[in-house]
Amino acid sequence: MARRSLVFACTLALALSSAPLFAQGSVWQVDASHTSTQFAVRHLMVSTVRGQFNKTTGTVTWDGKDFSKAVVDVVVDAGTINTREPRRDDHLRSADFFDVAKYPTLTFKSTKIEPAGAGKLKMTGDLTMRGVTRQVVFDVEGPTDPLKERNGLRVGASATTKISRKEFGLTWNRALEAGGVTVSDEVAITIDIELVNRPEAAR
């Protein structure tokens, strides 16, 4: 009985001493003014159209050291899509594509982050677009070393992936007389993100 009590006491002490390790993670805010979500898609089989969403927000829960233990939660405002052509942007906001009246945001929530070489990571998570959720894997470069500022800490990272838009219900297209289609199925996505850690962000 004494031995069992000693083991229990040691286990409890270890658990209590380890508890702060799990509490060290703080909430880093996505700095929307220095973050962009961009995309590129082939048009008419001959060129690439590039655009972006002008508003990306979210949080990353992270201890500031080991990013493989971070939890990433990003929200993209679908209505802010910008390809520098108003008529095309209106079409992309319509039910043919993002249907922003019904699905105003795109979201990404990480489920696993793994090292992938010096300064590189593989980030797996759930991407939700147009009400459809699919697992995607981002190749991440960074995060950069934190920059100490008067207002807190900042880091930056860049994440890229490729998706099939049809898998998310974005199926609109038009066949070309010479063969092929107007818009390719594959879409390249790049998120250049800047995070800031301030005391109020952890509250």
C-alpha atoms as a PDB file:
ATOM      1  CA  MET A   1       0.000   0.000   0.000  1.00  0.00           C
ATOM      2  CA  ALA A   2       2.830   2.394   0.889  1.00  0.00           C
ATOM      3  CA  ARG A   3       4.570   1.662  -2.400  1.00  0.00           C
ATOM      4  CA  ARG A   4       1.325   2.232  -4.327  1.00  0.00           C
ATOM      5  CA  SER A   5       0.796   5.551  -2.525  1.00  0.00           C
ATOM      6  CA  LEU A   6       4.353   6.611  -3.339  1.00  0.00           C
ATOM      7  CA  VAL A   7       3.858   5.827  -7.045  1.00  0.00           C
ATOM      8  CA  PHE A   8       0.585   7.776  -7.062  1.00  0.00           C
ATOM      9  CA  ALA A   9       2.248  10.758  -5.341  1.00  0.00           C
ATOM     10  CA  CYS A  10       5.122  10.766  -7.826  1.00  0.00           C
ATOM     11  CA  THR A  11       2.741  10.552 -10.793  1.00  0.00           C
ATOM     12  CA  LEU A  12       0.664  13.431  -9.444  1.00  0.00           C
ATOM     13  CA  ALA A  13       3.739  15.535  -8.834  1.00  0.00           C
ATOM     14  CA  LEU A  14       4.983  14.892 -12.374  1.00  0.00           C
ATOM     15  CA  ALA A  15       1.613  15.833 -13.837  1.00  0.00           C
ATOM     16  CA  LEU A  16       1.489  19.052 -11.858  1.00  0.00           C
ATOM     17  CA  SER A  17       5.047  19.969 -12.757  1.00  0.00           C
ATOM     18  CA  SER A  18       4.310  19.357 -16.448  1.00  0.00           C
ATOM     19  CA  ALA A  19       1.071  21.338 -16.493  1.00  0.00           C
ATOM     20  CA  PRO A  20       2.716  24.724 -17.198  1.00  0.00           C
ATOM     21  CA  LEU A  21       4.213  23.280 -20.392  1.00  0.00           C
ATOM     22  CA  PHE A  22       0.739  22.939 -21.860  1.00  0.00           C
ATOM     23  CA  ALA A  23      -0.240  26.413 -20.671  1.00  0.00           C
ATOM     24  CA  GLN A  24       2.678  28.187 -22.351  1.00  0.00           C
ATOM     25  CA  GLY A  25       0.992  28.346 -25.751  1.00  0.00           C
ATOM     26  CA  SER A  26      -0.391  31.808 -26.460  1.00  0.00           C
ATOM     27  CA  VAL A  27      -2.727  33.133 -29.124  1.00  0.00           C
ATOM     28  CA  TRP A  28      -1.005  34.856 -32.027  1.00  0.00           C
ATOM     29  CA  GLN A  29      -3.253  37.009 -34.191  1.00  0.00           C
ATOM     30  CA  VAL A  30      -3.116  37.093 -37.972  1.00  0.00           C
ATOM     31  CA  ASP A  31      -2.166  40.645 -38.958  1.00  0.00           C
ATOM     32  CA  ALA A  32      -4.682  41.196 -41.761  1.00  0.00           C
ATOM     33  CA  SER A  33      -2.873  44.282 -43.074  1.00  0.00           C
ATOM     34  CA  HIS A  34       0.283  42.225 -43.719  1.00  0.00           C
ATOM     35  CA  THR A  35      -1.296  38.918 -44.769  1.00  0.00           C
ATOM     36  CA  SER A  36      -2.556  37.882 -48.193  1.00  0.00           C
ATOM     37  CA  THR A  37      -4.279  34.808 -49.613  1.00  0.00           C
ATOM     38  CA  GLN A  38      -3.508  34.463 -53.310  1.00  0.00           C
ATOM     39  CA  PHE A  39      -4.519  32.013 -56.026  1.00  0.00           C
ATOM     40  CA  ALA A  40      -3.536  31.182 -59.593  1.00  0.00           C
ATOM     41  CA  VAL A  41      -5.496  29.258 -62.228  1.00  0.00           C
ATOM     42  CA  ARG A  42      -4.983  28.551 -65.919  1.00  0.00           C
ATOM     43  CA  HIS A  43      -7.279  30.495 -68.267  1.00  0.00           C
ATOM     44  CA  LEU A  44      -8.184  29.414 -71.838  1.00  0.00           C
ATOM     45  CA  MET A  45      -5.388  26.847 -71.593  1.00  0.00           C
ATOM     46  CA  VAL A  46      -2.813  29.505 -72.521  1.00  0.00           C
ATOM     47  CA  SER A  47      -2.273  31.858 -69.588  1.00  0.00           C
ATOM     48  CA  THR A  48      -2.476  32.090 -65.808  1.00  0.00           C
ATOM     49  CA  VAL A  49      -4.897  34.389 -64.008  1.00  0.00           C
ATOM     50  CA  ARG A  50      -3.812  35.454 -60.540  1.00  0.00           C
ATOM     51  CA  GLY A  51      -5.930  36.978 -57.831  1.00  0.00           C
ATOM     52  CA  GLN A  52      -6.266  37.319 -54.112  1.00  0.00           C
ATOM     53  CA  PHE A  53      -8.680  37.712 -51.243  1.00  0.00           C
ATOM     54  CA  ASN A  54      -8.151  41.085 -49.621  1.00  0.00           C
ATOM     55  CA  LYS A  55      -9.092  40.058 -46.083  1.00  0.00           C
ATOM     56  CA  THR A  56      -7.603  37.132 -44.158  1.00  0.00           C
ATOM     57  CA  THR A  57      -7.960  36.856 -40.379  1.00  0.00           C
ATOM     58  CA  GLY A  58      -7.501  34.190 -37.719  1.00  0.00           C
ATOM     59  CA  THR A  59      -5.342  32.910 -34.902  1.00  0.00           C
ATOM     60  CA  VAL A  60      -2.443  30.572 -34.260  1.00  0.00           C
ATOM     61  CA  THR A  61      -2.055  29.022 -30.829  1.00  0.00           C
ATOM     62  CA  TRP A  62       1.690  28.537 -30.404  1.00  0.00           C
ATOM     63  CA  ASP A  63       4.397  28.558 -27.755  1.00  0.00           C
ATOM     64  CA  GLY A  64       6.648  30.698 -29.965  1.00  0.00           C
ATOM     65  CA  LYS A  65       9.229  27.911 -30.331  1.00  0.00           C
ATOM     66  CA  ASP A  66       8.016  24.601 -31.754  1.00  0.00           C
ATOM     67  CA  PHE A  67       5.634  25.335 -34.610  1.00  0.00           C
ATOM     68  CA  SER A  68       4.873  21.646 -35.115  1.00  0.00           C
ATOM     69  CA  LYS A  69       2.744  21.928 -31.968  1.00  0.00           C
ATOM     70  CA  ALA A  70       0.862  24.993 -33.182  1.00  0.00           C
ATOM     71  CA  VAL A  71      -2.840  25.087 -34.032  1.00  0.00           C
ATOM     72  CA  VAL A  72      -3.706  27.238 -37.040  1.00  0.00           C
ATOM     73  CA  ASP A  73      -7.199  28.665 -37.597  1.00  0.00           C
ATOM     74  CA  VAL A  74      -7.590  30.972 -40.607  1.00  0.00           C
ATOM     75  CA  VAL A  75     -10.685  32.687 -42.039  1.00  0.00           C
ATOM     76  CA  VAL A  76     -10.775  34.215 -45.526  1.00  0.00           C
ATOM     77  CA  ASP A  77     -13.488  36.689 -46.531  1.00  0.00           C
ATOM     78  CA  ALA A  78     -14.720  35.285 -49.870  1.00  0.00           C
ATOM     79  CA  GLY A  79     -16.430  38.545 -50.764  1.00  0.00           C
ATOM     80  CA  THR A  80     -13.088  40.354 -50.948  1.00  0.00           C
ATOM     81  CA  ILE A  81     -11.923  38.375 -53.997  1.00  0.00           C
ATOM     82  CA  ASN A  82      -9.911  40.590 -56.339  1.00  0.00           C
ATOM     83  CA  THR A  83      -8.630  39.703 -59.810  1.00  0.00           C
ATOM     84  CA  ARG A  84      -8.433  43.344 -60.941  1.00  0.00           C
ATOM     85  CA  GLU A  85     -11.422  42.893 -63.261  1.00  0.00           C
ATOM     86  CA  PRO A  86     -14.768  43.888 -61.668  1.00  0.00           C
ATOM     87  CA  ARG A  87     -17.021  41.836 -63.969  1.00  0.00           C
ATOM     88  CA  ARG A  88     -14.954  38.713 -63.394  1.00  0.00           C
ATOM     89  CA  ASP A  89     -14.925  39.335 -59.642  1.00  0.00           C
ATOM     90  CA  ASP A  90     -18.729  39.629 -59.635  1.00  0.00           C
ATOM     91  CA  HIS A  91     -18.958  36.323 -61.485  1.00  0.00           C
ATOM     92  CA  LEU A  92     -16.609  34.672 -58.996  1.00  0.00           C
ATOM     93  CA  ARG A  93     -18.801  35.906 -56.122  1.00  0.00           C
ATOM     94  CA  SER A  94     -21.923  34.456 -57.784  1.00  0.00           C
ATOM     95  CA  ALA A  95     -23.474  31.019 -57.328  1.00  0.00           C
ATOM     96  CA  ASP A  96     -21.419  29.786 -60.313  1.00  0.00           C
ATOM     97  CA  PHE A  97     -18.329  29.917 -58.119  1.00  0.00           C
ATOM     98  CA  PHE A  98     -17.996  30.933 -54.449  1.00  0.00           C
ATOM     99  CA  ASP A  99     -21.653  31.875 -53.867  1.00  0.00           C
ATOM    100  CA  VAL A 100     -20.605  34.396 -51.228  1.00  0.00           C
ATOM    101  CA  ALA A 101     -24.202  35.283 -50.330  1.00  0.00           C
ATOM    102  CA  LYS A 102     -24.572  31.750 -48.970  1.00  0.00           C
ATOM    103  CA  TYR A 103     -20.954  30.944 -48.081  1.00  0.00           C
ATOM    104  CA  PRO A 104     -19.270  34.215 -47.052  1.00  0.00           C
ATOM    105  CA  THR A 105     -16.003  32.685 -45.820  1.00  0.00           C
ATOM    106  CA  LEU A 106     -13.356  30.096 -46.567  1.00  0.00           C
ATOM    107  CA  THR A 107     -11.750  28.499 -43.522  1.00  0.00           C
ATOM    108  CA  PHE A 108      -8.687  26.395 -42.768  1.00  0.00           C
ATOM    109  CA  LYS A 109      -8.026  24.557 -39.506  1.00  0.00           C
ATOM    110  CA  SER A 110      -4.819  22.607 -39.049  1.00  0.00           C
ATOM    111  CA  THR A 111      -4.890  19.035 -37.762  1.00  0.00           C
ATOM    112  CA  LYS A 112      -1.194  18.139 -37.989  1.00  0.00           C
ATOM    113  CA  ILE A 113       2.081  20.003 -38.579  1.00  0.00           C
ATOM    114  CA  GLU A 114       5.304  18.091 -39.248  1.00  0.00           C
ATOM    115  CA  PRO A 115       8.929  19.125 -39.891  1.00  0.00           C
ATOM    116  CA  ALA A 116       9.947  18.785 -43.551  1.00  0.00           C
ATOM    117  CA  GLY A 117      13.572  19.908 -43.580  1.00  0.00           C
ATOM    118  CA  ALA A 118      15.422  23.039 -42.509  1.00  0.00           C
ATOM    119  CA  GLY A 119      12.940  25.894 -42.230  1.00  0.00           C
ATOM    120  CA  LYS A 120      10.165  23.840 -43.819  1.00  0.00           C
ATOM    121  CA  LEU A 121       6.974  22.185 -42.575  1.00  0.00           C
ATOM    122  CA  LYS A 122       4.083  20.087 -43.865  1.00  0.00           C
ATOM    123  CA  MET A 123       0.780  21.394 -42.518  1.00  0.00           C
ATOM    124  CA  THR A 124      -2.275  19.171 -42.882  1.00  0.00           C
ATOM    125  CA  GLY A 125      -5.744  20.487 -42.165  1.00  0.00           C
ATOM    126  CA  ASP A 126      -9.365  20.932 -43.149  1.00  0.00           C
ATOM    127  CA  LEU A 127     -10.110  23.480 -45.852  1.00  0.00           C
ATOM    128  CA  THR A 128     -13.774  24.487 -46.123  1.00  0.00           C
ATOM    129  CA  MET A 129     -14.939  26.240 -49.253  1.00  0.00           C
ATOM    130  CA  ARG A 130     -18.491  26.705 -50.507  1.00  0.00           C
ATOM    131  CA  GLY A 131     -19.718  24.535 -47.637  1.00  0.00           C
ATOM    132  CA  VAL A 132     -17.476  21.598 -48.602  1.00  0.00           C
ATOM    133  CA  THR A 133     -14.619  20.429 -46.371  1.00  0.00           C
ATOM    134  CA  ARG A 134     -11.590  18.565 -47.727  1.00  0.00           C
ATOM    135  CA  GLN A 135      -8.229  17.678 -46.233  1.00  0.00           C
ATOM    136  CA  VAL A 136      -5.331  19.551 -47.824  1.00  0.00           C
ATOM    137  CA  VAL A 137      -1.588  19.698 -47.185  1.00  0.00           C
ATOM    138  CA  PHE A 138       0.313  22.996 -47.270  1.00  0.00           C
ATOM    139  CA  ASP A 139       4.070  23.262 -47.815  1.00  0.00           C
ATOM    140  CA  VAL A 140       5.226  25.877 -45.325  1.00  0.00           C
ATOM    141  CA  GLU A 141       8.399  27.950 -45.310  1.00  0.00           C
ATOM    142  CA  GLY A 142       9.064  29.506 -41.917  1.00  0.00           C
ATOM    143  CA  PRO A 143       8.110  30.768 -39.495  1.00  0.00           C
ATOM    144  CA  THR A 144      10.844  33.346 -39.495  1.00  0.00           C
ATOM    145  CA  ASP A 145      12.708  34.192 -36.318  1.00  0.00           C
ATOM    146  CA  PRO A 146      10.543  36.461 -34.135  1.00  0.00           C
ATOM    147  CA  LEU A 147      11.114  40.181 -34.475  1.00  0.00           C
ATOM    148  CA  LYS A 148      11.001  41.850 -31.070  1.00  0.00           C
ATOM    149  CA  GLU A 149       9.036  45.057 -31.049  1.00  0.00           C
ATOM    150  CA  ARG A 150       7.735  47.492 -28.478  1.00  0.00           C
ATOM    151  CA  ASN A 151       4.235  46.080 -29.048  1.00  0.00           C
ATOM    152  CA  GLY A 152       5.123  42.405 -29.001  1.00  0.00           C
ATOM    153  CA  LEU A 153       6.557  39.749 -31.304  1.00  0.00           C
ATOM    154  CA  ARG A 154       6.054  39.177 -35.013  1.00  0.00           C
ATOM    155  CA  VAL A 155       6.781  36.203 -37.271  1.00  0.00           C
ATOM    156  CA  GLY A 156       6.074  35.493 -40.902  1.00  0.00           C
ATOM    157  CA  ALA A 157       5.555  32.365 -42.989  1.00  0.00           C
ATOM    158  CA  SER A 158       4.490  31.342 -46.473  1.00  0.00           C
ATOM    159  CA  ALA A 159       2.245  28.330 -47.204  1.00  0.00           C
ATOM    160  CA  THR A 160       1.420  26.846 -50.616  1.00  0.00           C
ATOM    161  CA  THR A 161      -0.831  24.073 -51.887  1.00  0.00           C
ATOM    162  CA  LYS A 162      -2.767  22.959 -54.968  1.00  0.00           C
ATOM    163  CA  ILE A 163      -6.403  21.878 -54.968  1.00  0.00           C
ATOM    164  CA  SER A 164      -9.055  20.636 -57.352  1.00  0.00           C
ATOM    165  CA  ARG A 165     -11.776  23.280 -57.387  1.00  0.00           C
ATOM    166  CA  LYS A 166     -14.340  20.672 -58.513  1.00  0.00           C
ATOM    167  CA  GLU A 167     -13.835  18.822 -55.222  1.00  0.00           C
ATOM    168  CA  PHE A 168     -15.208  21.917 -53.495  1.00  0.00           C
ATOM    169  CA  GLY A 169     -18.230  22.293 -55.747  1.00  0.00           C
ATOM    170  CA  LEU A 170     -16.752  25.006 -58.001  1.00  0.00           C
ATOM    171  CA  THR A 171     -17.688  23.202 -61.194  1.00  0.00           C
ATOM    172  CA  TRP A 172     -18.600  26.042 -63.588  1.00  0.00           C
ATOM    173  CA  ASN A 173     -16.774  25.896 -66.903  1.00  0.00           C
ATOM    174  CA  ARG A 174     -17.175  26.430 -70.622  1.00  0.00           C
ATOM    175  CA  ALA A 175     -15.824  24.232 -73.389  1.00  0.00           C
ATOM    176  CA  LEU A 176     -13.657  25.851 -76.061  1.00  0.00           C
ATOM    177  CA  GLU A 177     -14.285  25.249 -79.753  1.00  0.00           C
ATOM    178  CA  ALA A 178     -10.633  24.393 -80.275  1.00  0.00           C
ATOM    179  CA  GLY A 179     -10.696  21.964 -77.357  1.00  0.00           C
ATOM    180  CA  GLY A 180     -10.089  22.357 -73.654  1.00  0.00           C
ATOM    181  CA  VAL A 181     -11.989  24.518 -71.201  1.00  0.00           C
ATOM    182  CA  THR A 182     -12.106  28.139 -70.091  1.00  0.00           C
ATOM    183  CA  VAL A 183     -10.879  27.556 -66.519  1.00  0.00           C
ATOM    184  CA  SER A 184      -8.610  24.738 -65.359  1.00  0.00           C
ATOM    185  CA  ASP A 185      -9.570  22.509 -62.457  1.00  0.00           C
ATOM    186  CA  GLU A 186      -6.267  22.872 -60.582  1.00  0.00           C
ATOM    187  CA  VAL A 187      -5.841  25.976 -58.450  1.00  0.00           C
ATOM    188  CA  ALA A 188      -2.595  26.992 -56.756  1.00  0.00           C
ATOM    189  CA  ILE A 189      -3.008  28.730 -53.391  1.00  0.00           C
ATOM    190  CA  THR A 190      -0.409  30.780 -51.524  1.00  0.00           C
ATOM    191  CA  ILE A 191      -0.884  32.325 -48.098  1.00  0.00           C
ATOM    192  CA  ASP A 192       1.739  34.842 -47.003  1.00  0.00           C
ATOM    193  CA  ILE A 193       0.991  35.323 -43.338  1.00  0.00           C
ATOM    194  CA  GLU A 194       2.260  37.606 -40.602  1.00  0.00           C
ATOM    195  CA  LEU A 195       1.467  36.866 -36.966  1.00  0.00           C
ATOM    196  CA  VAL A 196       1.658  39.172 -33.980  1.00  0.00           C
ATOM    197  CA  ASN A 197       1.741  38.142 -30.338  1.00  0.00           C
ATOM    198  CA  ARG A 198       0.476  40.789 -27.924  1.00  0.00           C
ATOM    199  CA  PRO A 199      -0.704  40.429 -24.318  1.00  0.00           C
ATOM    200  CA  GLU A 200      -4.303  41.250 -25.262  1.00  0.00           C
ATOM    201  CA  ALA A 201      -4.287  38.467 -27.865  1.00  0.00           C
ATOM    202  CA  ALA A 202      -3.962  35.848 -25.141  1.00  0.00           C
ATOM    203  CA  ARG A 203      -6.980  37.071 -23.183  1.00  0.00           C
END
